[in-house]
Amino acid sequence: MIGFLGGNEALIVLVVVLLLFGSSQVPKLAKNLGKAQKEFKDGLDEAKNGSDDEKTAADS
């Protein structure tokens, strides 16, 4: 299901998250995690492109 988690483990994690944050906060939490993941990927792409630009500038 989720990488190394099986069905039962994922269900337990979901229940714990619901107990800790409440059902009204889970959508906000998921939205913020999605935004953070997108920003992280964008940062990695930017860093990769920056290092490629530096290599081409050094070769010239």
N, C-alpha and C. Protein backbone atom coordinates (compact mmCIF):
# COMPACT_ATOMS: atom_id res chain seq x y z
N MET A 1 0.83 -1.19 0.00
CA MET A 1 0.00 0.00 0.00
C MET A 1 0.88 1.25 0.00
N ILE A 2 1.45 1.59 1.13
CA ILE A 2 2.29 2.79 1.22
C ILE A 2 3.73 2.32 1.44
N GLY A 3 4.37 1.88 0.39
CA GLY A 3 5.76 1.44 0.49
C GLY A 3 5.92 0.26 1.42
N PHE A 4 6.45 0.49 2.59
CA PHE A 4 6.75 -0.57 3.52
C PHE A 4 5.60 -0.87 4.48
N LEU A 5 4.50 -0.09 4.42
CA LEU A 5 3.36 -0.33 5.28
C LEU A 5 2.36 -1.25 4.60
N GLY A 6 1.86 -2.20 5.35
CA GLY A 6 0.80 -3.06 4.85
C GLY A 6 -0.56 -2.43 5.13
N GLY A 7 -1.60 -3.15 4.84
CA GLY A 7 -2.95 -2.63 5.05
C GLY A 7 -3.27 -2.35 6.50
N ASN A 8 -2.92 -3.29 7.37
CA ASN A 8 -3.22 -3.11 8.80
C ASN A 8 -2.42 -1.95 9.40
N GLU A 9 -1.16 -1.85 9.04
CA GLU A 9 -0.34 -0.78 9.58
C GLU A 9 -0.82 0.59 9.11
N ALA A 10 -1.21 0.69 7.86
CA ALA A 10 -1.73 1.96 7.33
C ALA A 10 -3.01 2.35 8.04
N LEU A 11 -3.86 1.38 8.34
CA LEU A 11 -5.11 1.65 9.05
C LEU A 11 -4.82 2.14 10.47
N ILE A 12 -3.85 1.55 11.13
CA ILE A 12 -3.48 1.98 12.48
C ILE A 12 -2.94 3.40 12.44
N VAL A 13 -2.10 3.72 11.47
CA VAL A 13 -1.56 5.07 11.35
C VAL A 13 -2.69 6.07 11.11
N LEU A 14 -3.63 5.72 10.26
CA LEU A 14 -4.77 6.60 9.99
C LEU A 14 -5.59 6.86 11.26
N VAL A 15 -5.84 5.84 12.04
CA VAL A 15 -6.60 6.00 13.28
C VAL A 15 -5.84 6.89 14.26
N VAL A 16 -4.54 6.70 14.38
CA VAL A 16 -3.73 7.51 15.30
C VAL A 16 -3.76 8.97 14.86
N VAL A 17 -3.63 9.22 13.55
CA VAL A 17 -3.68 10.60 13.05
C VAL A 17 -5.03 11.23 13.34
N LEU A 18 -6.10 10.49 13.14
CA LEU A 18 -7.43 11.02 13.45
C LEU A 18 -7.58 11.34 14.93
N LEU A 19 -7.03 10.48 15.79
CA LEU A 19 -7.13 10.74 17.22
C LEU A 19 -6.30 11.94 17.65
N LEU A 20 -5.12 12.09 17.06
CA LEU A 20 -4.25 13.20 17.44
C LEU A 20 -4.74 14.55 16.93
N PHE A 21 -5.17 14.60 15.67
CA PHE A 21 -5.48 15.88 15.05
C PHE A 21 -6.97 16.16 14.90
N GLY A 22 -7.80 15.16 14.98
CA GLY A 22 -9.23 15.36 14.81
C GLY A 22 -9.59 15.36 13.33
N SER A 23 -10.83 15.02 13.05
CA SER A 23 -11.24 14.87 11.66
C SER A 23 -11.28 16.20 10.91
N SER A 24 -11.44 17.30 11.60
CA SER A 24 -11.50 18.59 10.90
C SER A 24 -10.12 19.08 10.49
N GLN A 25 -9.08 18.63 11.16
CA GLN A 25 -7.73 19.09 10.87
C GLN A 25 -6.99 18.23 9.85
N VAL A 26 -7.48 17.01 9.60
CA VAL A 26 -6.78 16.10 8.69
C VAL A 26 -6.70 16.66 7.27
N PRO A 27 -7.78 17.22 6.69
CA PRO A 27 -7.64 17.78 5.34
C PRO A 27 -6.62 18.92 5.26
N LYS A 28 -6.59 19.77 6.28
CA LYS A 28 -5.61 20.85 6.31
C LYS A 28 -4.19 20.30 6.40
N LEU A 29 -4.03 19.27 7.21
CA LEU A 29 -2.73 18.63 7.37
C LEU A 29 -2.27 18.02 6.04
N ALA A 30 -3.17 17.33 5.36
CA ALA A 30 -2.82 16.71 4.08
C ALA A 30 -2.48 17.78 3.04
N LYS A 31 -3.22 18.88 3.03
CA LYS A 31 -2.95 19.95 2.08
C LYS A 31 -1.57 20.56 2.33
N ASN A 32 -1.24 20.80 3.59
CA ASN A 32 0.06 21.37 3.93
C ASN A 32 1.20 20.40 3.61
N LEU A 33 0.97 19.10 3.82
CA LEU A 33 2.00 18.12 3.47
C LEU A 33 2.22 18.08 1.96
N GLY A 34 1.14 18.20 1.19
CA GLY A 34 1.26 18.23 -0.26
C GLY A 34 2.04 19.45 -0.74
N LYS A 35 1.74 20.61 -0.14
CA LYS A 35 2.46 21.83 -0.50
C LYS A 35 3.95 21.71 -0.16
N ALA A 36 4.24 21.14 1.01
CA ALA A 36 5.63 20.98 1.42
C ALA A 36 6.37 20.04 0.48
N GLN A 37 5.70 18.97 0.07
CA GLN A 37 6.33 18.02 -0.86
C GLN A 37 6.61 18.69 -2.20
N LYS A 38 5.67 19.49 -2.69
CA LYS A 38 5.86 20.18 -3.97
C LYS A 38 7.01 21.18 -3.87
N GLU A 39 7.08 21.94 -2.79
CA GLU A 39 8.17 22.89 -2.62
C GLU A 39 9.52 22.18 -2.53
N PHE A 40 9.55 21.03 -1.87
CA PHE A 40 10.78 20.27 -1.76
C PHE A 40 11.24 19.78 -3.13
N LYS A 41 10.31 19.25 -3.92
CA LYS A 41 10.66 18.78 -5.26
C LYS A 41 11.11 19.95 -6.14
N ASP A 42 10.43 21.09 -6.04
CA ASP A 42 10.84 22.26 -6.82
C ASP A 42 12.23 22.72 -6.43
N GLY A 43 12.53 22.67 -5.14
CA GLY A 43 13.86 23.05 -4.66
C GLY A 43 14.93 22.11 -5.17
N LEU A 44 14.62 20.81 -5.19
CA LEU A 44 15.59 19.85 -5.73
C LEU A 44 15.82 20.09 -7.21
N ASP A 45 14.75 20.34 -7.97
CA ASP A 45 14.90 20.61 -9.39
C ASP A 45 15.70 21.87 -9.63
N GLU A 46 15.44 22.90 -8.82
CA GLU A 46 16.16 24.16 -8.95
C GLU A 46 17.64 23.97 -8.65
N ALA A 47 17.94 23.20 -7.61
CA ALA A 47 19.33 22.94 -7.26
C ALA A 47 20.02 22.13 -8.35
N LYS A 48 19.31 21.16 -8.90
CA LYS A 48 19.89 20.35 -9.98
C LYS A 48 20.17 21.21 -11.20
N ASN A 49 19.22 22.05 -11.58
CA ASN A 49 19.40 22.92 -12.73
C ASN A 49 20.51 23.94 -12.48
N GLY A 50 20.62 24.41 -11.26
CA GLY A 50 21.69 25.36 -10.92
C GLY A 50 23.05 24.72 -11.02
N SER A 51 23.16 23.48 -10.59
CA SER A 51 24.46 22.81 -10.68
C SER A 51 24.81 22.51 -12.13
N ASP A 52 23.80 22.22 -12.97
CA ASP A 52 24.05 22.02 -14.40
C ASP A 52 24.53 23.30 -15.06
N ASP A 53 23.93 24.43 -14.67
CA ASP A 53 24.33 25.73 -15.22
C ASP A 53 25.77 26.07 -14.83
N GLU A 54 26.14 25.73 -13.59
CA GLU A 54 27.50 26.00 -13.14
C GLU A 54 28.50 25.16 -13.90
N LYS A 55 28.15 23.91 -14.22
CA LYS A 55 29.06 23.03 -14.96
C LYS A 55 29.28 23.56 -16.37
N THR A 56 28.21 24.03 -17.04
CA THR A 56 28.35 24.52 -18.40
C THR A 56 29.13 25.84 -18.41
N ALA A 57 28.96 26.65 -17.37
CA ALA A 57 29.70 27.91 -17.30
C ALA A 57 31.18 27.63 -17.06
N ALA A 58 31.49 26.61 -16.27
CA ALA A 58 32.88 26.27 -15.98
C ALA A 58 33.56 25.66 -17.21
N ASP A 59 32.78 24.96 -18.04
CA ASP A 59 33.34 24.35 -19.25
C ASP A 59 33.64 25.39 -20.32
N SER A 60 32.94 26.50 -20.30
CA SER A 60 33.12 27.52 -21.35
C SER A 60 34.36 28.35 -21.15
